[in-house]
Amino acid sequence: MMSPPDGSAAPLTASRLLREATAQQHLAVEQLPAMRALMRDSLSVHDYVQVLRRHHAALAGWEQREGAWLHAIGDATWRYQPRSPLLEQDLAALRATPPLPAPAPPAPDAGSRWGMLYVVEGSRLGGRLIARQLRQSLAAAAPALTYFELGHADPACWRRFQQRLEQALPTPQSRQAAVDGARAMFAHFHTHFALETVA
């Protein structure tokens, strides 16, 4: 990061602040057995179905609660694409059914909502790597990669979301609320992914 001419530190962007503030929780989710299994050659279709079901359980309730807000914050440059229908499509391709949606973590203000959304949108990046691995290691998953391949459709979407995030979090108070929301969402994911152990 370059410093301004006066020698002071340049302020963190909202996305970098959130990334640094949630790095440990993000890593904890990635290290769960159910998530690590996605990158193993030994993953079975049954195990993959369980991972999709955990994602659906974690996301569907949040999307139902925040649907109107997610629609309202879209603009000409960025719009939220619901994940639940993609997961349902992938599960149907594997002749599986989604679980009941789980209650979403509390979101007391707009800042916390943006923090939760940061976690969900950021998952596009990892999803591309997961989809690439699954195409190599689990041929039966090929018809059921819509959710993880979402990031392929529009690689620039993450950059445009970061710009929207910066506009939405202009104050230290709103950014702290976003950090709290992001941490709550990572904890929510951790709870649901830890429920399933993939052998």
Protein backbone atom coordinates (compact mmCIF):
# COMPACT_ATOMS: atom_id res chain seq x y z
CA MET A 1 0.00 0.00 0.00
CA MET A 2 1.45 3.37 -1.01
CA SER A 3 1.50 6.23 1.48
CA PRO A 4 0.27 9.74 0.69
CA PRO A 5 2.89 12.49 0.15
CA ASP A 6 2.53 13.72 3.73
CA GLY A 7 3.75 10.36 5.04
CA SER A 8 0.48 9.32 6.66
CA ALA A 9 -0.97 5.87 6.00
CA ALA A 10 -3.61 5.65 3.29
CA PRO A 11 -6.98 4.55 4.68
CA LEU A 12 -8.01 0.96 4.08
CA THR A 13 -10.71 0.33 1.54
CA ALA A 14 -13.87 -1.19 2.95
CA SER A 15 -13.21 -4.56 1.33
CA ARG A 16 -9.64 -4.73 2.59
CA LEU A 17 -10.74 -3.75 6.08
CA LEU A 18 -13.31 -6.53 6.06
CA ARG A 19 -10.83 -9.04 4.65
CA GLU A 20 -8.26 -8.29 7.33
CA ALA A 21 -10.82 -8.16 10.16
CA THR A 22 -12.28 -11.56 9.26
CA ALA A 23 -9.16 -13.39 8.05
CA GLN A 24 -9.06 -15.84 10.96
CA GLN A 25 -12.76 -16.71 10.70
CA HIS A 26 -12.48 -17.12 6.95
CA LEU A 27 -9.58 -19.53 7.38
CA ALA A 28 -11.48 -21.44 10.07
CA VAL A 29 -14.36 -22.05 7.64
CA GLU A 30 -12.01 -23.12 4.84
CA GLN A 31 -10.29 -25.60 7.19
CA LEU A 32 -13.49 -27.44 8.13
CA PRO A 33 -13.52 -31.05 6.87
CA ALA A 34 -16.61 -30.46 4.72
CA MET A 35 -14.90 -27.61 2.88
CA ARG A 36 -11.46 -29.20 2.60
CA ALA A 37 -13.06 -32.32 1.12
CA LEU A 38 -14.11 -30.32 -1.95
CA MET A 39 -10.48 -30.12 -3.01
CA ARG A 40 -9.78 -33.85 -2.56
CA ASP A 41 -9.75 -36.36 -5.40
CA SER A 42 -11.61 -38.83 -3.16
CA LEU A 43 -14.77 -36.73 -2.85
CA SER A 44 -17.92 -38.77 -3.54
CA VAL A 45 -21.23 -37.62 -5.00
CA HIS A 46 -22.86 -38.24 -1.61
CA ASP A 47 -20.32 -35.99 0.09
CA TYR A 48 -20.79 -33.30 -2.56
CA VAL A 49 -24.55 -33.39 -2.07
CA GLN A 50 -24.06 -32.86 1.67
CA VAL A 51 -21.87 -29.81 1.00
CA LEU A 52 -24.49 -28.32 -1.34
CA ARG A 53 -27.18 -28.93 1.27
CA ARG A 54 -25.11 -27.15 3.94
CA HIS A 55 -24.64 -24.15 1.65
CA HIS A 56 -28.37 -24.05 0.96
CA ALA A 57 -29.26 -24.29 4.65
CA ALA A 58 -26.92 -21.40 5.46
CA LEU A 59 -28.00 -19.14 2.59
CA ALA A 60 -31.69 -19.72 1.94
CA GLY A 61 -33.00 -18.24 5.19
CA TRP A 62 -30.76 -15.19 4.82
CA GLU A 63 -31.85 -14.65 1.21
CA GLN A 64 -35.52 -14.97 2.17
CA ARG A 65 -35.16 -12.40 4.94
CA GLU A 66 -33.03 -9.96 2.97
CA GLY A 67 -34.62 -10.47 -0.46
CA ALA A 68 -36.24 -7.04 -0.70
CA TRP A 69 -33.07 -5.29 0.49
CA LEU A 70 -30.83 -7.28 -1.87
CA HIS A 71 -33.07 -6.31 -4.78
CA ALA A 72 -33.20 -2.64 -3.75
CA ILE A 73 -29.42 -2.14 -3.53
CA GLY A 74 -28.79 -3.29 -7.10
CA ASP A 75 -27.94 -0.71 -9.74
CA ALA A 76 -26.76 -0.56 -13.35
CA THR A 77 -23.28 -1.83 -12.48
CA TRP A 78 -23.97 -4.57 -9.93
CA ARG A 79 -26.91 -6.72 -8.86
CA TYR A 80 -27.10 -9.55 -6.39
CA GLN A 81 -27.77 -12.96 -7.92
CA PRO A 82 -29.66 -15.24 -5.50
CA ARG A 83 -27.76 -18.40 -4.64
CA SER A 84 -30.60 -20.58 -3.36
CA PRO A 85 -32.09 -21.26 -6.84
CA LEU A 86 -28.64 -22.26 -8.12
CA LEU A 87 -28.14 -24.66 -5.24
CA GLU A 88 -31.61 -26.11 -5.75
CA GLN A 89 -30.81 -26.61 -9.43
CA ASP A 90 -27.55 -28.39 -8.60
CA LEU A 91 -29.21 -30.60 -6.00
CA ALA A 92 -31.98 -31.51 -8.45
CA ALA A 93 -29.33 -32.49 -11.03
CA LEU A 94 -28.02 -34.98 -8.46
CA ARG A 95 -31.56 -36.12 -7.53
CA ALA A 96 -31.29 -34.59 -4.08
CA THR A 97 -33.51 -32.17 -2.18
CA PRO A 98 -32.56 -28.99 -0.29
CA PRO A 99 -32.91 -28.84 3.49
CA LEU A 100 -35.17 -26.43 5.29
CA PRO A 101 -33.69 -22.90 5.46
CA ALA A 102 -31.97 -22.04 8.72
CA PRO A 103 -32.62 -18.79 10.59
CA ALA A 104 -30.24 -16.05 9.50
CA PRO A 105 -28.00 -14.22 11.97
CA PRO A 106 -29.35 -10.87 13.21
CA ALA A 107 -28.70 -7.79 11.06
CA PRO A 108 -29.51 -4.71 13.16
CA ASP A 109 -28.54 -2.11 10.55
CA ALA A 110 -27.51 -1.54 6.94
CA GLY A 111 -23.81 -1.76 7.76
CA SER A 112 -24.15 -5.26 9.16
CA ARG A 113 -26.17 -6.29 6.10
CA TRP A 114 -23.37 -5.12 3.83
CA GLY A 115 -20.86 -7.07 5.93
CA MET A 116 -22.90 -10.25 5.56
CA LEU A 117 -23.22 -9.64 1.84
CA TYR A 118 -19.44 -9.20 1.60
CA VAL A 119 -19.01 -12.76 2.86
CA VAL A 120 -21.53 -14.18 0.41
CA GLU A 121 -20.21 -12.27 -2.61
CA GLY A 122 -16.63 -13.10 -1.73
CA SER A 123 -17.42 -16.80 -1.94
CA ARG A 124 -17.60 -16.40 -5.74
CA LEU A 125 -13.80 -16.24 -5.83
CA GLY A 126 -13.25 -19.53 -4.03
CA GLY A 127 -16.12 -21.10 -5.93
CA ARG A 128 -14.23 -20.82 -9.20
CA LEU A 129 -11.31 -22.82 -7.78
CA ILE A 130 -13.65 -25.42 -6.31
CA ALA A 131 -15.51 -25.85 -9.60
CA ARG A 132 -12.25 -26.33 -11.48
CA GLN A 133 -11.16 -29.02 -9.02
CA LEU A 134 -14.53 -30.79 -9.15
CA ARG A 135 -14.48 -30.94 -12.94
CA GLN A 136 -11.19 -32.81 -12.68
CA SER A 137 -11.91 -35.04 -9.69
CA LEU A 138 -15.66 -35.77 -9.77
CA ALA A 139 -17.07 -36.15 -13.26
CA ALA A 140 -20.55 -36.87 -11.87
CA ALA A 141 -20.65 -33.34 -10.46
CA ALA A 142 -20.37 -31.71 -13.90
CA PRO A 143 -24.15 -31.11 -14.26
CA ALA A 144 -24.30 -29.69 -10.72
CA LEU A 145 -21.73 -26.87 -10.68
CA THR A 146 -24.02 -23.89 -11.29
CA TYR A 147 -23.50 -22.52 -7.78
CA PHE A 148 -19.73 -22.83 -7.67
CA GLU A 149 -19.29 -21.62 -11.25
CA LEU A 150 -21.25 -18.42 -10.66
CA GLY A 151 -18.01 -16.44 -10.69
CA HIS A 152 -17.16 -17.62 -14.21
CA ALA A 153 -20.12 -15.81 -15.75
CA ASP A 154 -18.87 -12.33 -14.82
CA PRO A 155 -15.27 -12.21 -13.51
CA ALA A 156 -15.46 -8.41 -13.03
CA CYS A 157 -18.46 -8.66 -10.71
CA TRP A 158 -16.29 -8.74 -7.58
CA ARG A 159 -14.53 -5.50 -8.52
CA ARG A 160 -17.87 -3.76 -9.11
CA PHE A 161 -19.20 -5.07 -5.82
CA GLN A 162 -16.16 -3.66 -4.02
CA GLN A 163 -16.98 -0.25 -5.49
CA ARG A 164 -20.57 -0.51 -4.26
CA LEU A 165 -19.30 -1.57 -0.84
CA GLU A 166 -17.07 1.48 -0.63
CA GLN A 167 -20.04 3.75 -1.38
CA ALA A 168 -22.27 1.96 1.12
CA LEU A 169 -19.81 2.18 4.04
CA PRO A 170 -18.62 5.82 4.16
CA THR A 171 -18.13 6.18 7.93
CA PRO A 172 -16.11 4.38 10.63
CA GLN A 173 -19.39 3.45 12.33
CA SER A 174 -20.83 1.84 9.21
CA ARG A 175 -17.59 -0.03 8.60
CA GLN A 176 -17.48 -1.36 12.14
CA ALA A 177 -21.08 -2.52 11.73
CA ALA A 178 -20.03 -4.26 8.51
CA VAL A 179 -17.17 -6.01 10.31
CA ASP A 180 -19.63 -7.23 12.95
CA GLY A 181 -22.00 -8.44 10.23
CA ALA A 182 -19.26 -10.23 8.31
CA ARG A 183 -18.05 -11.98 11.46
CA ALA A 184 -21.60 -13.05 12.24
CA MET A 185 -22.01 -14.47 8.74
CA PHE A 186 -18.73 -16.38 8.90
CA ALA A 187 -19.85 -17.81 12.26
CA HIS A 188 -23.16 -18.76 10.65
CA PHE A 189 -21.37 -20.61 7.84
CA HIS A 190 -19.01 -22.26 10.31
CA THR A 191 -21.92 -23.60 12.34
CA HIS A 192 -23.62 -25.14 9.32
CA PHE A 193 -20.53 -26.55 7.64
CA ALA A 194 -19.32 -28.05 10.90
CA LEU A 195 -22.57 -30.01 11.20
CA GLU A 196 -21.51 -32.27 8.35
CA THR A 197 -18.37 -34.33 8.46
CA VAL A 198 -17.18 -35.61 5.10
CA ALA A 199 -15.11 -38.78 5.27
